[in-house]
C-alpha atoms as a PDB file:
ATOM      1  CA  MET A   1    -230.832 135.937 -72.182  1.00  0.00           C
ATOM      2  CA  LYS A   2    -233.176 133.480 -70.490  1.00  0.00           C
ATOM      3  CA  ALA A   3    -231.103 131.739 -67.807  1.00  0.00           C
ATOM      4  CA  ASP A   4    -232.166 128.133 -68.456  1.00  0.00           C
ATOM      5  CA  TYR A   5    -231.603 128.615 -72.195  1.00  0.00           C
ATOM      6  CA  ILE A   6    -228.003 129.719 -71.814  1.00  0.00           C
ATOM      7  CA  GLU A   7    -227.431 127.033 -69.181  1.00  0.00           C
ATOM      8  CA  GLN A   8    -228.450 124.415 -71.773  1.00  0.00           C
ATOM      9  CA  ILE A   9    -225.697 125.683 -74.056  1.00  0.00           C
ATOM     10  CA  GLN A  10    -223.160 125.791 -71.217  1.00  0.00           C
ATOM     11  CA  THR A  11    -224.085 122.206 -70.322  1.00  0.00           C
ATOM     12  CA  THR A  12    -223.119 121.218 -73.853  1.00  0.00           C
ATOM     13  CA  ILE A  13    -219.792 123.066 -73.573  1.00  0.00           C
ATOM     14  CA  ASP A  14    -219.112 121.254 -70.275  1.00  0.00           C
ATOM     15  CA  TYR A  15    -220.060 117.923 -71.846  1.00  0.00           C
ATOM     16  CA  ALA A  16    -217.736 118.498 -74.815  1.00  0.00           C
ATOM     17  CA  GLU A  17    -214.891 119.404 -72.444  1.00  0.00           C
ATOM     18  CA  ASP A  18    -215.332 116.144 -70.540  1.00  0.00           C
ATOM     19  CA  HIS A  19    -215.409 114.058 -73.734  1.00  0.00           C
ATOM     20  CA  LEU A  20    -212.720 115.673 -75.918  1.00  0.00           C
ATOM     21  CA  ALA A  21    -210.899 112.367 -76.292  1.00  0.00           C
ATOM     22  CA  GLU A  22    -214.042 110.709 -77.658  1.00  0.00           C
ATOM     23  CA  GLU A  23    -215.801 111.020 -80.984  1.00  0.00           C
ATOM     24  CA  LEU A  24    -218.178 113.989 -80.912  1.00  0.00           C
ATOM     25  CA  SER A  25    -220.737 115.184 -83.452  1.00  0.00           C
ATOM     26  CA  LEU A  26    -222.960 118.206 -83.854  1.00  0.00           C
ATOM     27  CA  SER A  27    -226.095 116.056 -83.531  1.00  0.00           C
ATOM     28  CA  GLN A  28    -224.839 114.489 -80.305  1.00  0.00           C
ATOM     29  CA  LEU A  29    -224.036 117.884 -78.767  1.00  0.00           C
ATOM     30  CA  ALA A  30    -227.323 119.392 -79.951  1.00  0.00           C
ATOM     31  CA  ARG A  31    -229.159 116.581 -78.143  1.00  0.00           C
ATOM     32  CA  VAL A  32    -227.270 117.432 -74.948  1.00  0.00           C
ATOM     33  CA  ALA A  33    -228.480 121.025 -75.314  1.00  0.00           C
ATOM     34  CA  GLY A  34    -232.025 119.892 -76.097  1.00  0.00           C
ATOM     35  CA  PHE A  35    -232.172 121.741 -79.429  1.00  0.00           C
ATOM     36  CA  SER A  36    -232.563 120.695 -83.042  1.00  0.00           C
ATOM     37  CA  ASP A  37    -229.256 120.389 -84.909  1.00  0.00           C
ATOM     38  CA  PHE A  38    -229.672 123.535 -86.988  1.00  0.00           C
ATOM     39  CA  HIS A  39    -231.027 125.732 -84.195  1.00  0.00           C
ATOM     40  CA  PHE A  40    -228.132 124.717 -81.940  1.00  0.00           C
ATOM     41  CA  HIS A  41    -225.682 125.378 -84.770  1.00  0.00           C
ATOM     42  CA  ARG A  42    -227.023 128.909 -85.381  1.00  0.00           C
ATOM     43  CA  VAL A  43    -227.351 129.871 -81.704  1.00  0.00           C
ATOM     44  CA  PHE A  44    -223.881 128.588 -80.767  1.00  0.00           C
ATOM     45  CA  LEU A  45    -222.362 130.342 -83.767  1.00  0.00           C
ATOM     46  CA  ALA A  46    -224.154 133.610 -82.967  1.00  0.00           C
ATOM     47  CA  LEU A  47    -222.995 133.532 -79.342  1.00  0.00           C
ATOM     48  CA  THR A  48    -219.383 132.416 -79.825  1.00  0.00           C
ATOM     49  CA  GLY A  49    -218.347 133.185 -83.410  1.00  0.00           C
ATOM     50  CA  ASP A  50    -217.429 129.515 -83.950  1.00  0.00           C
ATOM     51  CA  THR A  51    -219.369 126.449 -84.958  1.00  0.00           C
ATOM     52  CA  ILE A  52    -219.563 123.906 -82.145  1.00  0.00           C
ATOM     53  CA  MET A  53    -217.234 121.514 -83.988  1.00  0.00           C
ATOM     54  CA  GLU A  54    -214.695 124.279 -84.652  1.00  0.00           C
ATOM     55  CA  TYR A  55    -214.832 125.090 -80.949  1.00  0.00           C
ATOM     56  CA  VAL A  56    -214.232 121.416 -80.113  1.00  0.00           C
ATOM     57  CA  ARG A  57    -211.266 121.348 -82.515  1.00  0.00           C
ATOM     58  CA  LYS A  58    -209.728 124.444 -80.881  1.00  0.00           C
ATOM     59  CA  ARG A  59    -210.222 123.000 -77.393  1.00  0.00           C
ATOM     60  CA  ARG A  60    -208.553 119.750 -78.415  1.00  0.00           C
ATOM     61  CA  LEU A  61    -205.595 121.655 -79.838  1.00  0.00           C
ATOM     62  CA  ALA A  62    -205.308 123.926 -76.791  1.00  0.00           C
ATOM     63  CA  ARG A  63    -205.229 120.885 -74.510  1.00  0.00           C
ATOM     64  CA  SER A  64    -202.752 119.062 -76.733  1.00  0.00           C
ATOM     65  CA  ALA A  65    -200.424 122.096 -76.894  1.00  0.00           C
ATOM     66  CA  TYR A  66    -200.397 122.199 -73.096  1.00  0.00           C
ATOM     67  CA  GLU A  67    -199.511 118.494 -72.932  1.00  0.00           C
ATOM     68  CA  VAL A  68    -196.813 118.865 -75.593  1.00  0.00           C
ATOM     69  CA  ALA A  69    -195.267 121.700 -73.588  1.00  0.00           C
ATOM     70  CA  TYR A  70    -195.505 120.323 -70.054  1.00  0.00           C
ATOM     71  CA  SER A  71    -195.196 116.541 -70.435  1.00  0.00           C
ATOM     72  CA  ASP A  72    -192.842 113.970 -71.949  1.00  0.00           C
ATOM     73  CA  ALA A  73    -195.696 111.969 -73.475  1.00  0.00           C
ATOM     74  CA  ARG A  74    -195.303 110.758 -77.048  1.00  0.00           C
ATOM     75  CA  VAL A  75    -196.943 113.014 -79.636  1.00  0.00           C
ATOM     76  CA  LEU A  76    -199.024 110.069 -80.884  1.00  0.00           C
ATOM     77  CA  ASP A  77    -200.362 109.417 -77.368  1.00  0.00           C
ATOM     78  CA  ILE A  78    -201.221 113.098 -76.954  1.00  0.00           C
ATOM     79  CA  ALA A  79    -203.024 113.038 -80.290  1.00  0.00           C
ATOM     80  CA  LEU A  80    -205.119 110.008 -79.337  1.00  0.00           C
ATOM     81  CA  ASN A  81    -205.861 111.391 -75.857  1.00  0.00           C
ATOM     82  CA  THR A  82    -207.223 114.627 -77.318  1.00  0.00           C
ATOM     83  CA  GLY A  83    -209.569 113.111 -79.860  1.00  0.00           C
ATOM     84  CA  PHE A  84    -207.410 112.872 -82.985  1.00  0.00           C
ATOM     85  CA  ASN A  85    -207.484 109.583 -84.842  1.00  0.00           C
ATOM     86  CA  ASN A  86    -203.867 109.491 -85.976  1.00  0.00           C
ATOM     87  CA  HIS A  87    -200.521 111.289 -85.897  1.00  0.00           C
ATOM     88  CA  GLU A  88    -200.845 112.777 -89.373  1.00  0.00           C
ATOM     89  CA  THR A  89    -204.256 114.388 -88.798  1.00  0.00           C
ATOM     90  CA  PHE A  90    -203.105 115.772 -85.446  1.00  0.00           C
ATOM     91  CA  THR A  91    -199.842 117.204 -86.820  1.00  0.00           C
ATOM     92  CA  ARG A  92    -201.627 118.861 -89.736  1.00  0.00           C
ATOM     93  CA  ALA A  93    -204.196 120.498 -87.432  1.00  0.00           C
ATOM     94  CA  PHE A  94    -201.516 121.504 -84.920  1.00  0.00           C
ATOM     95  CA  LYS A  95    -199.392 123.172 -87.618  1.00  0.00           C
ATOM     96  CA  ARG A  96    -202.424 125.001 -88.992  1.00  0.00           C
ATOM     97  CA  MET A  97    -203.103 126.565 -85.583  1.00  0.00           C
ATOM     98  CA  PHE A  98    -199.596 127.032 -84.153  1.00  0.00           C
ATOM     99  CA  GLU A  99    -197.590 127.319 -87.414  1.00  0.00           C
ATOM    100  CA  MET A 100    -195.190 124.554 -86.384  1.00  0.00           C
ATOM    101  CA  ALA A 101    -195.239 120.818 -85.779  1.00  0.00           C
ATOM    102  CA  PRO A 102    -195.733 119.496 -82.219  1.00  0.00           C
ATOM    103  CA  ALA A 103    -192.112 118.305 -82.009  1.00  0.00           C
ATOM    104  CA  GLU A 104    -190.810 121.757 -82.952  1.00  0.00           C
ATOM    105  CA  TYR A 105    -193.234 123.371 -80.495  1.00  0.00           C
ATOM    106  CA  ARG A 106    -191.771 121.218 -77.716  1.00  0.00           C
ATOM    107  CA  LYS A 107    -188.196 121.780 -78.864  1.00  0.00           C
ATOM    108  CA  GLN A 108    -188.596 125.562 -78.711  1.00  0.00           C
ATOM    109  CA  GLY A 109    -189.721 125.336 -75.104  1.00  0.00           C
ATOM    110  CA  ILE A 110    -192.964 127.247 -75.600  1.00  0.00           C
ATOM    111  CA  LYS A 111    -195.009 127.285 -72.382  1.00  0.00           C
ATOM    112  CA  PRO A 112    -198.651 128.190 -73.104  1.00  0.00           C
ATOM    113  CA  PRO A 113    -201.097 128.988 -70.287  1.00  0.00           C
ATOM    114  CA  ALA A 114    -203.800 126.464 -69.443  1.00  0.00           C
ATOM    115  CA  TYR A 115    -206.564 128.103 -71.435  1.00  0.00           C
ATOM    116  CA  GLY A 116    -209.909 127.392 -69.821  1.00  0.00           C
ATOM    117  CA  LYS A 117    -213.069 126.299 -71.540  1.00  0.00           C
ATOM    118  CA  LEU A 118    -215.635 128.819 -72.696  1.00  0.00           C
ATOM    119  CA  ASN A 119    -218.001 130.040 -69.978  1.00  0.00           C
ATOM    120  CA  ILE A 120    -220.967 131.762 -71.563  1.00  0.00           C
ATOM    121  CA  LEU A 121    -222.655 132.020 -68.162  1.00  0.00           C
ATOM    122  CA  GLN A 122    -220.352 135.006 -67.700  1.00  0.00           C
ATOM    123  CA  LEU A 123    -222.039 136.861 -70.551  1.00  0.00           C
ATOM    124  CA  LYS A 124    -223.511 140.087 -69.262  1.00  0.00           C
ATOM    125  CA  TYR A 125    -227.262 140.070 -69.239  1.00  0.00           C
ATOM    126  CA  ASN A 126    -229.963 141.317 -66.891  1.00  0.00           C
ATOM    127  CA  PRO A 127    -231.934 138.349 -65.479  1.00  0.00           C
ATOM    128  CA  TYR A 128    -234.680 140.688 -64.326  1.00  0.00           C
ATOM    129  CA  LEU A 129    -235.196 142.285 -67.709  1.00  0.00           C
ATOM    130  CA  GLY A 130    -236.650 139.155 -69.285  1.00  0.00           C
ATOM    131  CA  GLY A 131    -234.912 139.741 -72.600  1.00  0.00           C
ATOM    132  CA  ILE A 132    -235.181 142.518 -75.139  1.00  0.00           C
ATOM    133  CA  ARG A 133    -238.706 142.973 -76.424  1.00  0.00           C
ATOM    134  CA  MET A 134    -238.366 143.033 -80.183  1.00  0.00           C
ATOM    135  CA  GLU A 135    -241.187 143.993 -82.485  1.00  0.00           C
ATOM    136  CA  TYR A 136    -241.812 141.215 -85.002  1.00  0.00           C
ATOM    137  CA  GLN A 137    -244.456 139.542 -87.125  1.00  0.00           C
ATOM    138  CA  ILE A 138    -245.019 135.859 -87.846  1.00  0.00           C
ATOM    139  CA  ILE A 139    -245.961 135.375 -91.497  1.00  0.00           C
ATOM    140  CA  THR A 140    -246.273 132.480 -93.917  1.00  0.00           C
ATOM    141  CA  LYS A 141    -244.500 133.121 -97.200  1.00  0.00           C
ATOM    142  CA  PRO A 142    -245.327 130.948-100.223  1.00  0.00           C
ATOM    143  CA  ALA A 143    -242.592 129.290-102.272  1.00  0.00           C
ATOM    144  CA  PHE A 144    -240.580 131.812-104.281  1.00  0.00           C
ATOM    145  CA  LYS A 145    -237.904 132.009-106.957  1.00  0.00           C
ATOM    146  CA  VAL A 146    -234.803 134.225-106.842  1.00  0.00           C
ATOM    147  CA  ILE A 147    -232.341 135.278-109.528  1.00  0.00           C
ATOM    148  CA  GLY A 148    -229.099 136.906-108.453  1.00  0.00           C
ATOM    149  CA  PHE A 149    -225.406 136.582-107.652  1.00  0.00           C
ATOM    150  CA  ASP A 150    -223.827 134.100-105.224  1.00  0.00           C
ATOM    151  CA  LEU A 151    -221.039 134.466-102.674  1.00  0.00           C
ATOM    152  CA  ARG A 152    -219.716 131.495-100.680  1.00  0.00           C
ATOM    153  CA  THR A 153    -218.666 132.840 -97.286  1.00  0.00           C
ATOM    154  CA  THR A 154    -218.123 131.654 -93.715  1.00  0.00           C
ATOM    155  CA  ALA A 155    -219.171 132.788 -90.279  1.00  0.00           C
ATOM    156  CA  GLN A 156    -215.884 131.587 -88.814  1.00  0.00           C
ATOM    157  CA  GLU A 157    -214.051 134.475 -87.142  1.00  0.00           C
ATOM    158  CA  GLY A 158    -216.748 136.838 -88.416  1.00  0.00           C
ATOM    159  CA  LYS A 159    -215.516 136.755 -92.023  1.00  0.00           C
ATOM    160  CA  ASN A 160    -219.077 137.064 -93.313  1.00  0.00           C
ATOM    161  CA  HIS A 161    -219.331 140.435 -91.560  1.00  0.00           C
ATOM    162  CA  GLN A 162    -216.565 141.734 -93.831  1.00  0.00           C
ATOM    163  CA  GLU A 163    -217.255 139.764 -97.002  1.00  0.00           C
ATOM    164  CA  ILE A 164    -221.008 140.377 -97.285  1.00  0.00           C
ATOM    165  CA  PRO A 165    -220.841 144.204 -97.008  1.00  0.00           C
ATOM    166  CA  ALA A 166    -217.968 144.135 -99.533  1.00  0.00           C
ATOM    167  CA  PHE A 167    -220.101 141.937-101.825  1.00  0.00           C
ATOM    168  CA  TRP A 168    -222.936 144.475-101.626  1.00  0.00           C
ATOM    169  CA  GLN A 169    -220.530 147.300-102.498  1.00  0.00           C
ATOM    170  CA  GLU A 170    -219.350 145.340-105.540  1.00  0.00           C
ATOM    171  CA  TYR A 171    -222.969 144.634-106.516  1.00  0.00           C
ATOM    172  CA  ILE A 172    -223.864 148.343-106.290  1.00  0.00           C
ATOM    173  CA  ARG A 173    -220.661 149.633-107.905  1.00  0.00           C
ATOM    174  CA  ASN A 174    -220.986 147.327-110.925  1.00  0.00           C
ATOM    175  CA  GLU A 175    -224.759 147.881-111.213  1.00  0.00           C
ATOM    176  CA  TRP A 176    -225.388 144.141-111.223  1.00  0.00           C
ATOM    177  CA  SER A 177    -229.026 144.841-110.348  1.00  0.00           C
ATOM    178  CA  SER A 178    -229.648 145.829-113.968  1.00  0.00           C
ATOM    179  CA  GLN A 179    -228.628 142.332-115.115  1.00  0.00           C
ATOM    180  CA  ILE A 180    -231.363 140.524-113.173  1.00  0.00           C
ATOM    181  CA  GLN A 181    -234.080 139.244-115.479  1.00  0.00           C
ATOM    182  CA  ASN A 182    -237.741 138.293-114.925  1.00  0.00           C
ATOM    183  CA  ARG A 183    -238.207 140.433-111.812  1.00  0.00           C
ATOM    184  CA  LEU A 184    -241.412 139.883-109.888  1.00  0.00           C
ATOM    185  CA  HIS A 185    -241.444 143.454-108.535  1.00  0.00           C
ATOM    186  CA  LYS A 186    -241.212 145.626-111.598  1.00  0.00           C
ATOM    187  CA  GLU A 187    -241.861 148.913-109.820  1.00  0.00           C
ATOM    188  CA  GLY A 188    -239.552 149.992-107.036  1.00  0.00           C
ATOM    189  CA  ASN A 189    -236.247 148.400-106.189  1.00  0.00           C
ATOM    190  CA  VAL A 190    -236.885 145.338-104.009  1.00  0.00           C
ATOM    191  CA  GLU A 191    -233.807 143.212-103.417  1.00  0.00           C
ATOM    192  CA  LEU A 192    -232.993 140.254-101.211  1.00  0.00           C
ATOM    193  CA  GLY A 193    -229.866 139.081 -99.422  1.00  0.00           C
ATOM    194  CA  ILE A 194    -230.374 135.361 -98.757  1.00  0.00           C
ATOM    195  CA  CYS A 195    -228.366 133.019 -96.517  1.00  0.00           C
ATOM    196  CA  HIS A 196    -228.740 129.390 -97.598  1.00  0.00           C
ATOM    197  CA  GLY A 197    -226.790 126.233 -98.403  1.00  0.00           C
ATOM    198  CA  PHE A 198    -225.503 126.033 -94.836  1.00  0.00           C
ATOM    199  CA  ASP A 199    -222.682 123.619 -94.016  1.00  0.00           C
ATOM    200  CA  MET A 200    -222.937 123.116 -90.259  1.00  0.00           C
ATOM    201  CA  ALA A 201    -219.550 121.397 -90.032  1.00  0.00           C
ATOM    202  CA  THR A 202    -217.552 124.245 -91.541  1.00  0.00           C
ATOM    203  CA  GLY A 203    -219.795 127.260 -90.905  1.00  0.00           C
ATOM    204  CA  THR A 204    -219.862 128.113 -94.612  1.00  0.00           C
ATOM    205  CA  PHE A 205    -222.983 129.157 -96.490  1.00  0.00           C
ATOM    206  CA  ILE A 206    -224.101 130.845 -99.710  1.00  0.00           C
ATOM    207  CA  TYR A 207    -225.142 134.484 -99.621  1.00  0.00           C
ATOM    208  CA  THR A 208    -227.210 135.470-102.660  1.00  0.00           C
ATOM    209  CA  ILE A 209    -227.971 139.061-103.619  1.00  0.00           C
ATOM    210  CA  GLY A 210    -230.871 139.185-106.013  1.00  0.00           C
ATOM    211  CA  ALA A 211    -234.570 139.652-106.561  1.00  0.00           C
ATOM    212  CA  GLU A 212    -237.702 137.549-106.603  1.00  0.00           C
ATOM    213  CA  ALA A 213    -238.418 136.264-110.095  1.00  0.00           C
ATOM    214  CA  GLU A 214    -241.561 135.227-111.951  1.00  0.00           C
ATOM    215  CA  HIS A 215    -239.723 132.376-113.696  1.00  0.00           C
ATOM    216  CA  PHE A 216    -236.299 131.208-114.855  1.00  0.00           C
ATOM    217  CA  ASP A 217    -237.085 131.174-118.583  1.00  0.00           C
ATOM    218  CA  GLY A 218    -234.615 132.807-120.942  1.00  0.00           C
ATOM    219  CA  ILE A 219    -231.776 133.323-118.461  1.00  0.00           C
ATOM    220  CA  ASP A 220    -228.785 133.876-120.726  1.00  0.00           C
ATOM    221  CA  ASN A 221    -226.260 135.359-118.293  1.00  0.00           C
ATOM    222  CA  PRO A 222    -223.877 132.658-116.974  1.00  0.00           C
ATOM    223  CA  ASN A 223    -223.060 134.838-113.933  1.00  0.00           C
ATOM    224  CA  LEU A 224    -226.642 134.721-112.697  1.00  0.00           C
ATOM    225  CA  ALA A 225    -227.702 132.092-110.162  1.00  0.00           C
ATOM    226  CA  CYS A 226    -231.263 130.747-109.974  1.00  0.00           C
ATOM    227  CA  HIS A 227    -232.634 129.444-106.686  1.00  0.00           C
ATOM    228  CA  GLU A 228    -236.059 128.254-105.584  1.00  0.00           C
ATOM    229  CA  PHE A 229    -237.172 128.249-101.949  1.00  0.00           C
ATOM    230  CA  GLY A 230    -240.164 126.445-100.464  1.00  0.00           C
ATOM    231  CA  ALA A 231    -243.023 127.894 -98.446  1.00  0.00           C
ATOM    232  CA  ALA A 232    -242.174 128.595 -94.821  1.00  0.00           C
ATOM    233  CA  GLU A 233    -243.218 130.431 -91.695  1.00  0.00           C
ATOM    234  CA  TYR A 234    -241.018 133.409 -90.879  1.00  0.00           C
ATOM    235  CA  ALA A 235    -240.438 135.727 -87.941  1.00  0.00           C
ATOM    236  CA  VAL A 236    -239.924 139.161 -89.526  1.00  0.00           C
ATOM    237  CA  PHE A 237    -237.871 141.859 -87.772  1.00  0.00           C
ATOM    238  CA  THR A 238    -237.301 145.452 -88.881  1.00  0.00           C
ATOM    239  CA  THR A 239    -233.980 147.146 -88.116  1.00  0.00           C
ATOM    240  CA  PRO A 240    -234.076 150.595 -86.497  1.00  0.00           C
ATOM    241  CA  LYS A 241    -233.791 153.658 -88.732  1.00  0.00           C
ATOM    242  CA  VAL A 242    -230.158 154.781 -88.850  1.00  0.00           C
ATOM    243  CA  PRO A 243    -227.886 157.007 -90.988  1.00  0.00           C
ATOM    244  CA  HIS A 244    -226.143 155.296 -93.906  1.00  0.00           C
ATOM    245  CA  ASP A 245    -222.790 154.931 -92.146  1.00  0.00           C
ATOM    246  CA  GLN A 246    -224.461 152.933 -89.337  1.00  0.00           C
ATOM    247  CA  PHE A 247    -226.576 150.681 -91.563  1.00  0.00           C
ATOM    248  CA  SER A 248    -224.228 147.677 -91.749  1.00  0.00           C
ATOM    249  CA  HIS A 249    -223.678 147.719 -87.985  1.00  0.00           C
ATOM    250  CA  SER A 250    -227.425 148.042 -87.374  1.00  0.00           C
ATOM    251  CA  ILE A 251    -228.120 144.963 -89.508  1.00  0.00           C
ATOM    252  CA  GLN A 252    -225.439 142.873 -87.803  1.00  0.00           C
ATOM    253  CA  SER A 253    -226.591 143.989 -84.339  1.00  0.00           C
ATOM    254  CA  THR A 254    -230.188 143.058 -85.109  1.00  0.00           C
ATOM    255  CA  TRP A 255    -229.128 139.601 -86.301  1.00  0.00           C
ATOM    256  CA  GLY A 256    -227.162 139.102 -83.085  1.00  0.00           C
ATOM    257  CA  THR A 257    -230.022 140.263 -80.873  1.00  0.00           C
ATOM    258  CA  ILE A 258    -232.478 137.905 -82.587  1.00  0.00           C
ATOM    259  CA  PHE A 259    -230.383 134.888 -81.635  1.00  0.00           C
ATOM    260  CA  SER A 260    -229.146 136.036 -78.240  1.00  0.00           C
ATOM    261  CA  GLU A 261    -232.280 137.756 -76.905  1.00  0.00           C
ATOM    262  CA  TRP A 262    -235.392 136.959 -78.941  1.00  0.00           C
ATOM    263  CA  PHE A 263    -235.141 133.222 -79.536  1.00  0.00           C
ATOM    264  CA  PRO A 264    -234.690 132.280 -75.839  1.00  0.00           C
ATOM    265  CA  HIS A 265    -238.019 133.898 -74.933  1.00  0.00           C
ATOM    266  CA  SER A 266    -239.968 133.294 -78.126  1.00  0.00           C
ATOM    267  CA  GLY A 267    -241.120 129.683 -77.954  1.00  0.00           C
ATOM    268  CA  TYR A 268    -239.705 129.260 -81.475  1.00  0.00           C
ATOM    269  CA  GLU A 269    -236.552 127.752 -82.909  1.00  0.00           C
ATOM    270  CA  HIS A 270    -234.862 128.068 -86.280  1.00  0.00           C
ATOM    271  CA  ALA A 271    -236.528 125.880 -88.916  1.00  0.00           C
ATOM    272  CA  GLY A 272    -233.234 125.210 -90.712  1.00  0.00           C
ATOM    273  CA  LEU A 273    -234.320 126.828 -93.997  1.00  0.00           C
ATOM    274  CA  ALA A 274    -233.043 129.851 -95.919  1.00  0.00           C
ATOM    275  CA  GLU A 275    -233.078 133.147 -94.022  1.00  0.00           C
ATOM    276  CA  PHE A 276    -233.014 136.481 -95.799  1.00  0.00           C
ATOM    277  CA  GLU A 277    -232.845 140.256 -95.702  1.00  0.00           C
ATOM    278  CA  LEU A 278    -235.321 142.381 -97.638  1.00  0.00           C
ATOM    279  CA  TYR A 279    -234.364 145.818 -98.949  1.00  0.00           C
ATOM    280  CA  ASP A 280    -237.058 148.064-100.435  1.00  0.00           C
ATOM    281  CA  GLU A 281    -237.961 151.773-100.636  1.00  0.00           C
ATOM    282  CA  ARG A 282    -237.080 152.133 -96.931  1.00  0.00           C
ATOM    283  CA  SER A 283    -233.448 151.405 -97.868  1.00  0.00           C
ATOM    284  CA  ASN A 284    -233.345 154.102-100.559  1.00  0.00           C
ATOM    285  CA  PRO A 285    -229.904 155.791-100.438  1.00  0.00           C
ATOM    286  CA  GLU A 286    -231.582 159.171-100.967  1.00  0.00           C
ATOM    287  CA  LEU A 287    -233.220 158.927 -97.522  1.00  0.00           C
ATOM    288  CA  GLU A 288    -231.430 160.386 -94.512  1.00  0.00           C
ATOM    289  CA  GLU A 289    -232.164 157.299 -92.388  1.00  0.00           C
ATOM    290  CA  ILE A 290    -232.719 153.795 -93.702  1.00  0.00           C
ATOM    291  CA  GLN A 291    -233.871 150.372 -92.512  1.00  0.00           C
ATOM    292  CA  MET A 292    -234.693 146.882 -93.778  1.00  0.00           C
ATOM    293  CA  ASP A 293    -236.383 143.603 -92.774  1.00  0.00           C
ATOM    294  CA  ILE A 294    -234.855 140.326 -91.606  1.00  0.00           C
ATOM    295  CA  TYR A 295    -236.791 137.099 -92.253  1.00  0.00           C
ATOM    296  CA  ILE A 296    -235.944 134.107 -90.036  1.00  0.00           C
ATOM    297  CA  PRO A 297    -237.635 130.732 -90.793  1.00  0.00           C
ATOM    298  CA  VAL A 298    -239.118 129.432 -87.551  1.00  0.00           C
ATOM    299  CA  LYS A 299    -241.071 126.563 -86.074  1.00  0.00           C
ATOM    300  CA  ARG A 300    -242.646 126.092 -82.673  1.00  0.00           C
ATOM    301  CA  LYS A 301    -240.173 124.642 -80.192  1.00  0.00           C
ATOM    302  CA  GLU A 302    -241.189 121.227 -78.935  1.00  0.00           C
ATOM    303  CA  ALA A 303    -242.051 121.133 -75.251  1.00  0.00           C
END
């Protein structure tokens, strides 16, 4: 990864560490990094597996657990000194992470190590390589309509990497494709997997499996979701051809490489719009090796 790019993210991690007792927001931390809110959200999540605010919450709790264990300070004072507004909010968050209240944690004599902050400068990358050269196209796609099925999932702890493949298996097993009306592509099986409705605070988003539609008229199935997406510029990446049992891993690896290797060298940043996967005849299960396309909405990064 480009050195100055990753250093911008590490600077934000260092800043958050020095200001844990203060009020922090995604927008504030994105400004420290020098990125737009959404681009920072997606890059940080791709690199760490947590949203920036979830990372801040975990750091506050790690610091507070250490203080509960090794000091005689009042729990309320510890809560306030680690960025929690009141005793109740702190206790609830503490119990959710450590499965016991702070007082019980102290009573049991638990002695946690002093967990250090994240250091992404230690990520292994070759500074002389200049990043992975990925083949891609920049295209402008007009506004489009999609009819399909929705899943609300989260990127926290990689849950989307389990839930989305399982959702696809359910879609295929139940032949939900046959329920989609008003398809734009009537010949061939062209389907989309769309990530949208992002909540940057929680890391949740909607994943829709469906197809482009001509219109929404006459939709009589209450299980079908209808979404419309505006025109946008996309960077389009094609996954390598792989056997079926490696397909899911290939898709996830390509997503990761886009954010960790392509974006830092591209001159683009995420435009904050829906991103999607396109499956067509190249993904036909009768083929020995299959592949698909990933569409990322982009805009030129400001100098």
